[in-house]
Amino acid sequence: MLAAAWLALRDLPTPPFRAALWKMLGLTLLFLVLAWFGLQALVVHFAVWPSQPWIETSIAIVSGVGFVIGLGFLIGPVSALMAGLFSDDVAAVVEETHYPLDPPGTPLSLGASLLGTLGFTATTILVNLICLVLLLVPGVNLVAFFLGNGYLLGREFFEAAAARHGGVARARSVRREHAGLVLVGGFVIALFLAIPIVNLLTPLFAMAFMTHLHKRVVGSIPVEA
Protein backbone atom coordinates (compact mmCIF):
# COMPACT_ATOMS: atom_id res chain seq x y z
CA MET A 1 0.00 0.00 0.00
CA LEU A 2 2.63 2.53 1.08
CA ALA A 3 4.95 1.44 -1.72
CA ALA A 4 2.17 1.94 -4.29
CA ALA A 5 1.38 5.39 -2.88
CA TRP A 6 5.06 6.35 -2.92
CA LEU A 7 5.47 5.26 -6.55
CA ALA A 8 2.38 7.28 -7.52
CA LEU A 9 3.72 10.38 -5.76
CA ARG A 10 7.11 9.93 -7.36
CA ASP A 11 5.49 9.63 -10.79
CA LEU A 12 3.65 12.97 -10.62
CA PRO A 13 6.49 15.33 -11.64
CA THR A 14 8.07 12.98 -14.23
CA PRO A 15 8.07 13.89 -17.95
CA PRO A 16 5.65 11.10 -19.05
CA PHE A 17 3.01 12.49 -16.69
CA ARG A 18 3.38 16.15 -17.57
CA ALA A 19 1.03 16.17 -20.58
CA ALA A 20 -1.81 14.61 -18.56
CA LEU A 21 -0.87 16.76 -15.56
CA TRP A 22 -1.24 20.09 -17.38
CA LYS A 23 -4.40 19.09 -19.22
CA MET A 24 -6.03 17.76 -16.05
CA LEU A 25 -4.93 20.73 -13.94
CA GLY A 26 -6.08 23.22 -16.55
CA LEU A 27 -9.53 21.65 -16.94
CA THR A 28 -9.95 21.31 -13.16
CA LEU A 29 -9.09 24.98 -12.56
CA LEU A 30 -11.35 26.07 -15.43
CA PHE A 31 -14.26 24.07 -14.03
CA LEU A 32 -13.75 25.47 -10.51
CA VAL A 33 -13.44 29.07 -11.76
CA LEU A 34 -16.64 28.72 -13.80
CA ALA A 35 -18.39 27.23 -10.76
CA TRP A 36 -17.15 30.15 -8.63
CA PHE A 37 -18.52 32.80 -11.02
CA GLY A 38 -21.71 30.82 -11.50
CA LEU A 39 -22.42 30.69 -7.78
CA GLN A 40 -21.68 34.38 -7.38
CA ALA A 41 -23.99 35.23 -10.28
CA LEU A 42 -26.79 33.23 -8.67
CA VAL A 43 -26.39 35.06 -5.37
CA VAL A 44 -26.36 38.47 -7.06
CA HIS A 45 -29.32 37.63 -9.31
CA PHE A 46 -31.69 36.04 -6.80
CA ALA A 47 -30.77 37.66 -3.49
CA VAL A 48 -32.26 40.99 -2.45
CA TRP A 49 -30.36 42.76 0.33
CA PRO A 50 -30.99 46.07 2.10
CA SER A 51 -28.86 48.82 0.56
CA GLN A 52 -26.55 49.32 3.51
CA PRO A 53 -22.74 49.28 3.10
CA TRP A 54 -22.09 47.18 6.19
CA ILE A 55 -24.70 44.62 5.15
CA GLU A 56 -23.27 44.39 1.63
CA THR A 57 -19.73 43.98 3.02
CA SER A 58 -20.85 41.28 5.47
CA ILE A 59 -22.73 39.41 2.75
CA ALA A 60 -19.68 39.57 0.46
CA ILE A 61 -17.42 38.13 3.17
CA VAL A 62 -19.84 35.37 4.18
CA SER A 63 -20.61 34.40 0.59
CA GLY A 64 -16.89 34.41 -0.25
CA VAL A 65 -16.13 32.01 2.60
CA GLY A 66 -19.11 29.89 1.62
CA PHE A 67 -17.95 29.70 -1.98
CA VAL A 68 -14.46 28.60 -0.92
CA ILE A 69 -15.93 25.85 1.27
CA GLY A 70 -18.33 24.82 -1.48
CA LEU A 71 -15.58 24.64 -4.08
CA GLY A 72 -13.54 22.53 -1.68
CA PHE A 73 -16.32 19.97 -1.69
CA LEU A 74 -16.49 20.12 -5.49
CA ILE A 75 -12.98 18.66 -5.76
CA GLY A 76 -14.41 15.14 -5.24
CA PRO A 77 -16.91 15.34 -8.12
CA VAL A 78 -14.35 17.08 -10.33
CA SER A 79 -11.92 14.25 -9.61
CA ALA A 80 -14.59 11.77 -10.67
CA LEU A 81 -15.13 13.65 -13.92
CA MET A 82 -11.40 13.97 -14.65
CA ALA A 83 -10.98 10.26 -13.94
CA GLY A 84 -13.23 9.44 -16.86
CA LEU A 85 -11.35 11.78 -19.18
CA PHE A 86 -7.76 10.85 -18.33
CA SER A 87 -7.73 7.54 -16.47
CA ASP A 88 -6.62 5.44 -19.45
CA ASP A 89 -3.83 7.90 -20.34
CA VAL A 90 -2.44 7.83 -16.81
CA ALA A 91 -2.79 4.06 -16.42
CA ALA A 92 -1.04 3.48 -19.74
CA VAL A 93 1.93 5.61 -18.66
CA VAL A 94 2.21 3.75 -15.34
CA GLU A 95 2.05 0.36 -17.06
CA GLU A 96 4.60 1.27 -19.72
CA THR A 97 6.98 2.83 -17.19
CA HIS A 98 6.81 0.37 -14.30
CA TYR A 99 5.42 -2.88 -15.78
CA PRO A 100 6.86 -3.12 -19.32
CA LEU A 101 6.90 -6.93 -19.23
CA ASP A 102 3.14 -7.22 -18.53
CA PRO A 103 0.56 -7.30 -21.34
CA PRO A 104 -0.66 -3.73 -21.98
CA GLY A 105 -4.15 -2.79 -20.86
CA THR A 106 -7.06 -2.14 -23.24
CA PRO A 107 -9.07 1.08 -22.80
CA LEU A 108 -12.84 0.81 -22.44
CA SER A 109 -15.03 1.88 -25.33
CA LEU A 110 -16.00 5.56 -25.43
CA GLY A 111 -19.66 4.77 -24.71
CA ALA A 112 -18.97 2.56 -21.70
CA SER A 113 -16.42 5.02 -20.34
CA LEU A 114 -18.75 8.01 -20.75
CA LEU A 115 -21.73 6.22 -19.19
CA GLY A 116 -19.68 5.09 -16.20
CA THR A 117 -18.16 8.54 -15.73
CA LEU A 118 -21.52 10.33 -15.75
CA GLY A 119 -23.07 7.89 -13.29
CA PHE A 120 -20.12 8.00 -10.94
CA THR A 121 -19.88 11.81 -11.09
CA ALA A 122 -23.58 12.13 -10.23
CA THR A 123 -23.16 9.79 -7.26
CA THR A 124 -20.10 11.68 -6.04
CA ILE A 125 -21.96 15.01 -6.29
CA LEU A 126 -24.78 13.58 -4.17
CA VAL A 127 -22.38 12.25 -1.51
CA ASN A 128 -20.50 15.55 -1.33
CA LEU A 129 -23.75 17.51 -1.08
CA ILE A 130 -24.64 15.39 1.94
CA CYS A 131 -21.19 16.10 3.39
CA LEU A 132 -21.77 19.82 2.77
CA VAL A 133 -25.10 19.70 4.61
CA LEU A 134 -23.35 17.93 7.51
CA LEU A 135 -20.74 20.69 7.65
CA LEU A 136 -22.52 22.19 10.65
CA VAL A 137 -22.29 18.93 12.61
CA PRO A 138 -18.82 18.82 14.23
CA GLY A 139 -16.99 15.52 13.82
CA VAL A 140 -19.69 13.93 11.69
CA ASN A 141 -18.83 16.04 8.62
CA LEU A 142 -15.19 14.92 8.62
CA VAL A 143 -16.14 11.26 9.05
CA ALA A 144 -18.75 11.53 6.29
CA PHE A 145 -16.23 13.18 3.97
CA PHE A 146 -13.61 10.44 4.43
CA LEU A 147 -16.06 7.54 4.38
CA GLY A 148 -18.03 8.79 1.37
CA ASN A 149 -15.12 9.90 -0.78
CA GLY A 150 -12.83 7.11 0.39
CA TYR A 151 -15.29 4.43 -0.65
CA LEU A 152 -16.40 6.04 -3.92
CA LEU A 153 -13.00 7.19 -5.18
CA GLY A 154 -11.27 3.97 -4.15
CA ARG A 155 -13.89 1.88 -5.94
CA GLU A 156 -13.94 4.00 -9.09
CA PHE A 157 -10.20 4.39 -9.61
CA PHE A 158 -9.45 0.75 -8.78
CA GLU A 159 -12.10 -0.51 -11.17
CA ALA A 160 -10.85 1.89 -13.85
CA ALA A 161 -7.36 0.42 -13.51
CA ALA A 162 -8.57 -3.19 -13.35
CA ALA A 163 -11.07 -2.87 -16.23
CA ARG A 164 -8.17 -2.37 -18.63
CA HIS A 165 -7.32 -6.04 -18.05
CA GLY A 166 -10.45 -8.10 -18.54
CA GLY A 167 -13.34 -5.65 -18.63
CA VAL A 168 -15.76 -4.13 -16.14
CA ALA A 169 -17.24 -7.39 -14.78
CA ARG A 170 -13.79 -8.81 -14.00
CA ALA A 171 -12.74 -5.46 -12.45
CA ARG A 172 -15.73 -5.49 -10.08
CA SER A 173 -15.01 -9.08 -9.12
CA VAL A 174 -11.38 -8.28 -8.27
CA ARG A 175 -12.44 -5.19 -6.34
CA ARG A 176 -14.94 -7.16 -4.25
CA GLU A 177 -12.33 -9.84 -3.57
CA HIS A 178 -9.98 -7.18 -2.20
CA ALA A 179 -12.64 -4.83 -0.85
CA GLY A 180 -10.79 -4.06 2.39
CA LEU A 181 -7.56 -3.16 0.62
CA VAL A 182 -9.38 -1.00 -1.93
CA LEU A 183 -11.25 0.81 0.85
CA VAL A 184 -8.00 1.62 2.68
CA GLY A 185 -6.59 2.80 -0.64
CA GLY A 186 -9.65 5.00 -1.03
CA PHE A 187 -8.95 6.57 2.37
CA VAL A 188 -5.43 7.37 1.16
CA ILE A 189 -6.99 9.16 -1.83
CA ALA A 190 -9.46 10.97 0.47
CA LEU A 191 -6.53 12.13 2.63
CA PHE A 192 -4.80 13.48 -0.50
CA LEU A 193 -8.12 15.11 -1.44
CA ALA A 194 -8.25 16.94 1.90
CA ILE A 195 -4.96 18.79 1.33
CA PRO A 196 -5.65 22.26 -0.15
CA ILE A 197 -4.01 23.09 -3.51
CA VAL A 198 -2.37 19.64 -3.63
CA ASN A 199 -5.85 18.12 -4.04
CA LEU A 200 -6.04 19.57 -7.55
CA LEU A 201 -3.76 16.67 -8.52
CA THR A 202 -6.10 14.08 -6.99
CA PRO A 203 -7.23 12.46 -10.29
CA LEU A 204 -3.64 11.99 -11.44
CA PHE A 205 -2.39 10.64 -8.12
CA ALA A 206 -5.44 8.42 -7.58
CA MET A 207 -5.25 6.75 -10.98
CA ALA A 208 -1.50 6.15 -10.73
CA PHE A 209 -1.89 4.85 -7.16
CA MET A 210 -4.72 2.46 -7.99
CA THR A 211 -2.92 1.21 -11.09
CA HIS A 212 0.02 0.26 -8.90
CA LEU A 213 -2.32 -1.26 -6.30
CA HIS A 214 -4.11 -3.36 -8.91
CA LYS A 215 -0.79 -4.60 -10.28
CA ARG A 216 0.31 -5.69 -6.81
CA VAL A 217 -3.03 -7.45 -6.20
CA VAL A 218 -2.56 -9.57 -9.32
CA GLY A 219 1.07 -10.31 -8.49
CA SER A 220 2.98 -7.97 -10.80
CA ILE A 221 6.19 -6.39 -9.54
CA PRO A 222 7.41 -2.99 -10.80
CA VAL A 223 10.74 -2.98 -12.59
CA GLU A 224 12.25 -0.82 -9.79
CA ALA A 225 11.66 -3.52 -7.16
C-alpha atoms as a PDB file:
ATOM      1  CA  MET A   1       0.000   0.000   0.000  1.00  0.00           C
ATOM      2  CA  LEU A   2       2.634   2.529   1.082  1.00  0.00           C
ATOM      3  CA  ALA A   3       4.954   1.436  -1.723  1.00  0.00           C
ATOM      4  CA  ALA A   4       2.175   1.938  -4.294  1.00  0.00           C
ATOM      5  CA  ALA A   5       1.380   5.394  -2.883  1.00  0.00           C
ATOM      6  CA  TRP A   6       5.061   6.354  -2.925  1.00  0.00           C
ATOM      7  CA  LEU A   7       5.471   5.258  -6.550  1.00  0.00           C
ATOM      8  CA  ALA A   8       2.384   7.282  -7.516  1.00  0.00           C
ATOM      9  CA  LEU A   9       3.715  10.382  -5.757  1.00  0.00           C
ATOM     10  CA  ARG A  10       7.113   9.926  -7.359  1.00  0.00           C
ATOM     11  CA  ASP A  11       5.488   9.633 -10.789  1.00  0.00           C
ATOM     12  CA  LEU A  12       3.647  12.973 -10.620  1.00  0.00           C
ATOM     13  CA  PRO A  13       6.494  15.326 -11.643  1.00  0.00           C
ATOM     14  CA  THR A  14       8.069  12.983 -14.226  1.00  0.00           C
ATOM     15  CA  PRO A  15       8.065  13.886 -17.949  1.00  0.00           C
ATOM     16  CA  PRO A  16       5.648  11.100 -19.051  1.00  0.00           C
ATOM     17  CA  PHE A  17       3.006  12.490 -16.686  1.00  0.00           C
ATOM     18  CA  ARG A  18       3.379  16.151 -17.573  1.00  0.00           C
ATOM     19  CA  ALA A  19       1.027  16.171 -20.576  1.00  0.00           C
ATOM     20  CA  ALA A  20      -1.812  14.610 -18.558  1.00  0.00           C
ATOM     21  CA  LEU A  21      -0.874  16.761 -15.558  1.00  0.00           C
ATOM     22  CA  TRP A  22      -1.236  20.089 -17.379  1.00  0.00           C
ATOM     23  CA  LYS A  23      -4.402  19.093 -19.223  1.00  0.00           C
ATOM     24  CA  MET A  24      -6.026  17.763 -16.051  1.00  0.00           C
ATOM     25  CA  LEU A  25      -4.925  20.731 -13.940  1.00  0.00           C
ATOM     26  CA  GLY A  26      -6.080  23.219 -16.554  1.00  0.00           C
ATOM     27  CA  LEU A  27      -9.527  21.650 -16.935  1.00  0.00           C
ATOM     28  CA  THR A  28      -9.954  21.310 -13.162  1.00  0.00           C
ATOM     29  CA  LEU A  29      -9.093  24.978 -12.563  1.00  0.00           C
ATOM     30  CA  LEU A  30     -11.351  26.068 -15.427  1.00  0.00           C
ATOM     31  CA  PHE A  31     -14.263  24.065 -14.025  1.00  0.00           C
ATOM     32  CA  LEU A  32     -13.751  25.474 -10.507  1.00  0.00           C
ATOM     33  CA  VAL A  33     -13.441  29.071 -11.756  1.00  0.00           C
ATOM     34  CA  LEU A  34     -16.635  28.717 -13.802  1.00  0.00           C
ATOM     35  CA  ALA A  35     -18.387  27.230 -10.757  1.00  0.00           C
ATOM     36  CA  TRP A  36     -17.145  30.153  -8.632  1.00  0.00           C
ATOM     37  CA  PHE A  37     -18.522  32.802 -11.018  1.00  0.00           C
ATOM     38  CA  GLY A  38     -21.713  30.817 -11.504  1.00  0.00           C
ATOM     39  CA  LEU A  39     -22.418  30.686  -7.775  1.00  0.00           C
ATOM     40  CA  GLN A  40     -21.677  34.383  -7.377  1.00  0.00           C
ATOM     41  CA  ALA A  41     -23.989  35.230 -10.284  1.00  0.00           C
ATOM     42  CA  LEU A  42     -26.793  33.229  -8.674  1.00  0.00           C
ATOM     43  CA  VAL A  43     -26.391  35.063  -5.366  1.00  0.00           C
ATOM     44  CA  VAL A  44     -26.364  38.468  -7.059  1.00  0.00           C
ATOM     45  CA  HIS A  45     -29.318  37.629  -9.306  1.00  0.00           C
ATOM     46  CA  PHE A  46     -31.691  36.038  -6.797  1.00  0.00           C
ATOM     47  CA  ALA A  47     -30.771  37.657  -3.486  1.00  0.00           C
ATOM     48  CA  VAL A  48     -32.258  40.990  -2.448  1.00  0.00           C
ATOM     49  CA  TRP A  49     -30.355  42.756   0.331  1.00  0.00           C
ATOM     50  CA  PRO A  50     -30.989  46.068   2.098  1.00  0.00           C
ATOM     51  CA  SER A  51     -28.861  48.819   0.555  1.00  0.00           C
ATOM     52  CA  GLN A  52     -26.549  49.315   3.509  1.00  0.00           C
ATOM     53  CA  PRO A  53     -22.741  49.285   3.098  1.00  0.00           C
ATOM     54  CA  TRP A  54     -22.088  47.178   6.189  1.00  0.00           C
ATOM     55  CA  ILE A  55     -24.699  44.616   5.147  1.00  0.00           C
ATOM     56  CA  GLU A  56     -23.266  44.388   1.627  1.00  0.00           C
ATOM     57  CA  THR A  57     -19.732  43.979   3.019  1.00  0.00           C
ATOM     58  CA  SER A  58     -20.854  41.279   5.466  1.00  0.00           C
ATOM     59  CA  ILE A  59     -22.727  39.406   2.746  1.00  0.00           C
ATOM     60  CA  ALA A  60     -19.678  39.569   0.457  1.00  0.00           C
ATOM     61  CA  ILE A  61     -17.424  38.127   3.174  1.00  0.00           C
ATOM     62  CA  VAL A  62     -19.838  35.366   4.182  1.00  0.00           C
ATOM     63  CA  SER A  63     -20.610  34.405   0.590  1.00  0.00           C
ATOM     64  CA  GLY A  64     -16.895  34.407  -0.255  1.00  0.00           C
ATOM     65  CA  VAL A  65     -16.126  32.012   2.600  1.00  0.00           C
ATOM     66  CA  GLY A  66     -19.114  29.892   1.625  1.00  0.00           C
ATOM     67  CA  PHE A  67     -17.953  29.704  -1.983  1.00  0.00           C
ATOM     68  CA  VAL A  68     -14.463  28.599  -0.917  1.00  0.00           C
ATOM     69  CA  ILE A  69     -15.933  25.845   1.272  1.00  0.00           C
ATOM     70  CA  GLY A  70     -18.330  24.816  -1.478  1.00  0.00           C
ATOM     71  CA  LEU A  71     -15.582  24.641  -4.080  1.00  0.00           C
ATOM     72  CA  GLY A  72     -13.537  22.528  -1.685  1.00  0.00           C
ATOM     73  CA  PHE A  73     -16.323  19.970  -1.693  1.00  0.00           C
ATOM     74  CA  LEU A  74     -16.490  20.117  -5.492  1.00  0.00           C
ATOM     75  CA  ILE A  75     -12.983  18.659  -5.762  1.00  0.00           C
ATOM     76  CA  GLY A  76     -14.408  15.141  -5.243  1.00  0.00           C
ATOM     77  CA  PRO A  77     -16.914  15.338  -8.119  1.00  0.00           C
ATOM     78  CA  VAL A  78     -14.354  17.077 -10.332  1.00  0.00           C
ATOM     79  CA  SER A  79     -11.918  14.249  -9.605  1.00  0.00           C
ATOM     80  CA  ALA A  80     -14.594  11.769 -10.668  1.00  0.00           C
ATOM     81  CA  LEU A  81     -15.129  13.646 -13.925  1.00  0.00           C
ATOM     82  CA  MET A  82     -11.404  13.967 -14.646  1.00  0.00           C
ATOM     83  CA  ALA A  83     -10.982  10.256 -13.939  1.00  0.00           C
ATOM     84  CA  GLY A  84     -13.229   9.437 -16.859  1.00  0.00           C
ATOM     85  CA  LEU A  85     -11.347  11.778 -19.176  1.00  0.00           C
ATOM     86  CA  PHE A  86      -7.763  10.854 -18.330  1.00  0.00           C
ATOM     87  CA  SER A  87      -7.728   7.535 -16.470  1.00  0.00           C
ATOM     88  CA  ASP A  88      -6.618   5.444 -19.449  1.00  0.00           C
ATOM     89  CA  ASP A  89      -3.835   7.900 -20.339  1.00  0.00           C
ATOM     90  CA  VAL A  90      -2.438   7.830 -16.808  1.00  0.00           C
ATOM     91  CA  ALA A  91      -2.785   4.057 -16.423  1.00  0.00           C
ATOM     92  CA  ALA A  92      -1.036   3.481 -19.740  1.00  0.00           C
ATOM     93  CA  VAL A  93       1.931   5.611 -18.657  1.00  0.00           C
ATOM     94  CA  VAL A  94       2.206   3.750 -15.338  1.00  0.00           C
ATOM     95  CA  GLU A  95       2.049   0.363 -17.056  1.00  0.00           C
ATOM     96  CA  GLU A  96       4.605   1.269 -19.719  1.00  0.00           C
ATOM     97  CA  THR A  97       6.984   2.831 -17.191  1.00  0.00           C
ATOM     98  CA  HIS A  98       6.815   0.371 -14.303  1.00  0.00           C
ATOM     99  CA  TYR A  99       5.422  -2.883 -15.784  1.00  0.00           C
ATOM    100  CA  PRO A 100       6.857  -3.122 -19.318  1.00  0.00           C
ATOM    101  CA  LEU A 101       6.902  -6.932 -19.227  1.00  0.00           C
ATOM    102  CA  ASP A 102       3.142  -7.221 -18.531  1.00  0.00           C
ATOM    103  CA  PRO A 103       0.556  -7.304 -21.337  1.00  0.00           C
ATOM    104  CA  PRO A 104      -0.660  -3.727 -21.976  1.00  0.00           C
ATOM    105  CA  GLY A 105      -4.148  -2.789 -20.864  1.00  0.00           C
ATOM    106  CA  THR A 106      -7.056  -2.144 -23.237  1.00  0.00           C
ATOM    107  CA  PRO A 107      -9.070   1.081 -22.804  1.00  0.00           C
ATOM    108  CA  LEU A 108     -12.839   0.812 -22.436  1.00  0.00           C
ATOM    109  CA  SER A 109     -15.027   1.880 -25.329  1.00  0.00           C
ATOM    110  CA  LEU A 110     -16.003   5.561 -25.427  1.00  0.00           C
ATOM    111  CA  GLY A 111     -19.656   4.771 -24.713  1.00  0.00           C
ATOM    112  CA  ALA A 112     -18.965   2.563 -21.700  1.00  0.00           C
ATOM    113  CA  SER A 113     -16.423   5.025 -20.344  1.00  0.00           C
ATOM    114  CA  LEU A 114     -18.753   8.008 -20.747  1.00  0.00           C
ATOM    115  CA  LEU A 115     -21.733   6.223 -19.192  1.00  0.00           C
ATOM    116  CA  GLY A 116     -19.676   5.089 -16.204  1.00  0.00           C
ATOM    117  CA  THR A 117     -18.160   8.539 -15.729  1.00  0.00           C
ATOM    118  CA  LEU A 118     -21.518  10.333 -15.752  1.00  0.00           C
ATOM    119  CA  GLY A 119     -23.072   7.892 -13.292  1.00  0.00           C
ATOM    120  CA  PHE A 120     -20.116   8.004 -10.940  1.00  0.00           C
ATOM    121  CA  THR A 121     -19.877  11.806 -11.094  1.00  0.00           C
ATOM    122  CA  ALA A 122     -23.579  12.134 -10.229  1.00  0.00           C
ATOM    123  CA  THR A 123     -23.156   9.790  -7.255  1.00  0.00           C
ATOM    124  CA  THR A 124     -20.100  11.685  -6.041  1.00  0.00           C
ATOM    125  CA  ILE A 125     -21.958  15.015  -6.286  1.00  0.00           C
ATOM    126  CA  LEU A 126     -24.781  13.579  -4.168  1.00  0.00           C
ATOM    127  CA  VAL A 127     -22.385  12.254  -1.514  1.00  0.00           C
ATOM    128  CA  ASN A 128     -20.504  15.553  -1.330  1.00  0.00           C
ATOM    129  CA  LEU A 129     -23.754  17.511  -1.084  1.00  0.00           C
ATOM    130  CA  ILE A 130     -24.644  15.385   1.939  1.00  0.00           C
ATOM    131  CA  CYS A 131     -21.189  16.101   3.386  1.00  0.00           C
ATOM    132  CA  LEU A 132     -21.771  19.818   2.766  1.00  0.00           C
ATOM    133  CA  VAL A 133     -25.096  19.696   4.608  1.00  0.00           C
ATOM    134  CA  LEU A 134     -23.354  17.926   7.509  1.00  0.00           C
ATOM    135  CA  LEU A 135     -20.740  20.685   7.649  1.00  0.00           C
ATOM    136  CA  LEU A 136     -22.520  22.193  10.646  1.00  0.00           C
ATOM    137  CA  VAL A 137     -22.293  18.933  12.610  1.00  0.00           C
ATOM    138  CA  PRO A 138     -18.817  18.822  14.231  1.00  0.00           C
ATOM    139  CA  GLY A 139     -16.992  15.518  13.820  1.00  0.00           C
ATOM    140  CA  VAL A 140     -19.694  13.935  11.690  1.00  0.00           C
ATOM    141  CA  ASN A 141     -18.827  16.041   8.624  1.00  0.00           C
ATOM    142  CA  LEU A 142     -15.189  14.920   8.615  1.00  0.00           C
ATOM    143  CA  VAL A 143     -16.142  11.257   9.051  1.00  0.00           C
ATOM    144  CA  ALA A 144     -18.749  11.532   6.287  1.00  0.00           C
ATOM    145  CA  PHE A 145     -16.225  13.178   3.965  1.00  0.00           C
ATOM    146  CA  PHE A 146     -13.613  10.443   4.425  1.00  0.00           C
ATOM    147  CA  LEU A 147     -16.064   7.542   4.383  1.00  0.00           C
ATOM    148  CA  GLY A 148     -18.026   8.789   1.368  1.00  0.00           C
ATOM    149  CA  ASN A 149     -15.120   9.905  -0.782  1.00  0.00           C
ATOM    150  CA  GLY A 150     -12.832   7.114   0.387  1.00  0.00           C
ATOM    151  CA  TYR A 151     -15.293   4.430  -0.653  1.00  0.00           C
ATOM    152  CA  LEU A 152     -16.398   6.044  -3.924  1.00  0.00           C
ATOM    153  CA  LEU A 153     -13.000   7.190  -5.178  1.00  0.00           C
ATOM    154  CA  GLY A 154     -11.265   3.975  -4.146  1.00  0.00           C
ATOM    155  CA  ARG A 155     -13.890   1.885  -5.937  1.00  0.00           C
ATOM    156  CA  GLU A 156     -13.944   3.999  -9.092  1.00  0.00           C
ATOM    157  CA  PHE A 157     -10.200   4.385  -9.608  1.00  0.00           C
ATOM    158  CA  PHE A 158      -9.448   0.753  -8.778  1.00  0.00           C
ATOM    159  CA  GLU A 159     -12.102  -0.513 -11.172  1.00  0.00           C
ATOM    160  CA  ALA A 160     -10.847   1.891 -13.854  1.00  0.00           C
ATOM    161  CA  ALA A 161      -7.359   0.423 -13.506  1.00  0.00           C
ATOM    162  CA  ALA A 162      -8.569  -3.188 -13.346  1.00  0.00           C
ATOM    163  CA  ALA A 163     -11.068  -2.866 -16.225  1.00  0.00           C
ATOM    164  CA  ARG A 164      -8.166  -2.373 -18.631  1.00  0.00           C
ATOM    165  CA  HIS A 165      -7.319  -6.039 -18.048  1.00  0.00           C
ATOM    166  CA  GLY A 166     -10.448  -8.096 -18.543  1.00  0.00           C
ATOM    167  CA  GLY A 167     -13.337  -5.647 -18.631  1.00  0.00           C
ATOM    168  CA  VAL A 168     -15.755  -4.131 -16.142  1.00  0.00           C
ATOM    169  CA  ALA A 169     -17.235  -7.387 -14.784  1.00  0.00           C
ATOM    170  CA  ARG A 170     -13.794  -8.807 -14.002  1.00  0.00           C
ATOM    171  CA  ALA A 171     -12.742  -5.461 -12.449  1.00  0.00           C
ATOM    172  CA  ARG A 172     -15.727  -5.488 -10.084  1.00  0.00           C
ATOM    173  CA  SER A 173     -15.010  -9.079  -9.120  1.00  0.00           C
ATOM    174  CA  VAL A 174     -11.376  -8.284  -8.266  1.00  0.00           C
ATOM    175  CA  ARG A 175     -12.440  -5.194  -6.345  1.00  0.00           C
ATOM    176  CA  ARG A 176     -14.945  -7.164  -4.251  1.00  0.00           C
ATOM    177  CA  GLU A 177     -12.328  -9.837  -3.575  1.00  0.00           C
ATOM    178  CA  HIS A 178      -9.979  -7.183  -2.205  1.00  0.00           C
ATOM    179  CA  ALA A 179     -12.641  -4.831  -0.850  1.00  0.00           C
ATOM    180  CA  GLY A 180     -10.791  -4.055   2.389  1.00  0.00           C
ATOM    181  CA  LEU A 181      -7.556  -3.156   0.622  1.00  0.00           C
ATOM    182  CA  VAL A 182      -9.381  -1.004  -1.933  1.00  0.00           C
ATOM    183  CA  LEU A 183     -11.251   0.809   0.846  1.00  0.00           C
ATOM    184  CA  VAL A 184      -8.005   1.620   2.676  1.00  0.00           C
ATOM    185  CA  GLY A 185      -6.592   2.796  -0.639  1.00  0.00           C
ATOM    186  CA  GLY A 186      -9.652   4.997  -1.032  1.00  0.00           C
ATOM    187  CA  PHE A 187      -8.953   6.566   2.366  1.00  0.00           C
ATOM    188  CA  VAL A 188      -5.426   7.370   1.159  1.00  0.00           C
ATOM    189  CA  ILE A 189      -6.986   9.164  -1.826  1.00  0.00           C
ATOM    190  CA  ALA A 190      -9.458  10.971   0.469  1.00  0.00           C
ATOM    191  CA  LEU A 191      -6.529  12.128   2.626  1.00  0.00           C
ATOM    192  CA  PHE A 192      -4.805  13.477  -0.497  1.00  0.00           C
ATOM    193  CA  LEU A 193      -8.120  15.107  -1.439  1.00  0.00           C
ATOM    194  CA  ALA A 194      -8.249  16.938   1.900  1.00  0.00           C
ATOM    195  CA  ILE A 195      -4.956  18.793   1.327  1.00  0.00           C
ATOM    196  CA  PRO A 196      -5.653  22.260  -0.154  1.00  0.00           C
ATOM    197  CA  ILE A 197      -4.011  23.088  -3.512  1.00  0.00           C
ATOM    198  CA  VAL A 198      -2.374  19.640  -3.633  1.00  0.00           C
ATOM    199  CA  ASN A 199      -5.846  18.124  -4.039  1.00  0.00           C
ATOM    200  CA  LEU A 200      -6.036  19.574  -7.553  1.00  0.00           C
ATOM    201  CA  LEU A 201      -3.759  16.674  -8.517  1.00  0.00           C
ATOM    202  CA  THR A 202      -6.100  14.081  -6.988  1.00  0.00           C
ATOM    203  CA  PRO A 203      -7.229  12.455 -10.287  1.00  0.00           C
ATOM    204  CA  LEU A 204      -3.642  11.993 -11.444  1.00  0.00           C
ATOM    205  CA  PHE A 205      -2.391  10.641  -8.115  1.00  0.00           C
ATOM    206  CA  ALA A 206      -5.443   8.421  -7.576  1.00  0.00           C
ATOM    207  CA  MET A 207      -5.248   6.747 -10.975  1.00  0.00           C
ATOM    208  CA  ALA A 208      -1.500   6.152 -10.727  1.00  0.00           C
ATOM    209  CA  PHE A 209      -1.889   4.853  -7.162  1.00  0.00           C
ATOM    210  CA  MET A 210      -4.720   2.459  -7.987  1.00  0.00           C
ATOM    211  CA  THR A 211      -2.924   1.206 -11.089  1.00  0.00           C
ATOM    212  CA  HIS A 212       0.024   0.263  -8.896  1.00  0.00           C
ATOM    213  CA  LEU A 213      -2.317  -1.260  -6.304  1.00  0.00           C
ATOM    214  CA  HIS A 214      -4.109  -3.357  -8.909  1.00  0.00           C
ATOM    215  CA  LYS A 215      -0.792  -4.605 -10.282  1.00  0.00           C
ATOM    216  CA  ARG A 216       0.305  -5.688  -6.814  1.00  0.00           C
ATOM    217  CA  VAL A 217      -3.028  -7.447  -6.198  1.00  0.00           C
ATOM    218  CA  VAL A 218      -2.557  -9.569  -9.316  1.00  0.00           C
ATOM    219  CA  GLY A 219       1.066 -10.305  -8.487  1.00  0.00           C
ATOM    220  CA  SER A 220       2.981  -7.973 -10.796  1.00  0.00           C
ATOM    221  CA  ILE A 221       6.187  -6.393  -9.545  1.00  0.00           C
ATOM    222  CA  PRO A 222       7.405  -2.994 -10.804  1.00  0.00           C
ATOM    223  CA  VAL A 223      10.742  -2.978 -12.594  1.00  0.00           C
ATOM    224  CA  GLU A 224      12.255  -0.821  -9.793  1.00  0.00           C
ATOM    225  CA  ALA A 225      11.658  -3.525  -7.162  1.00  0.00           C
END
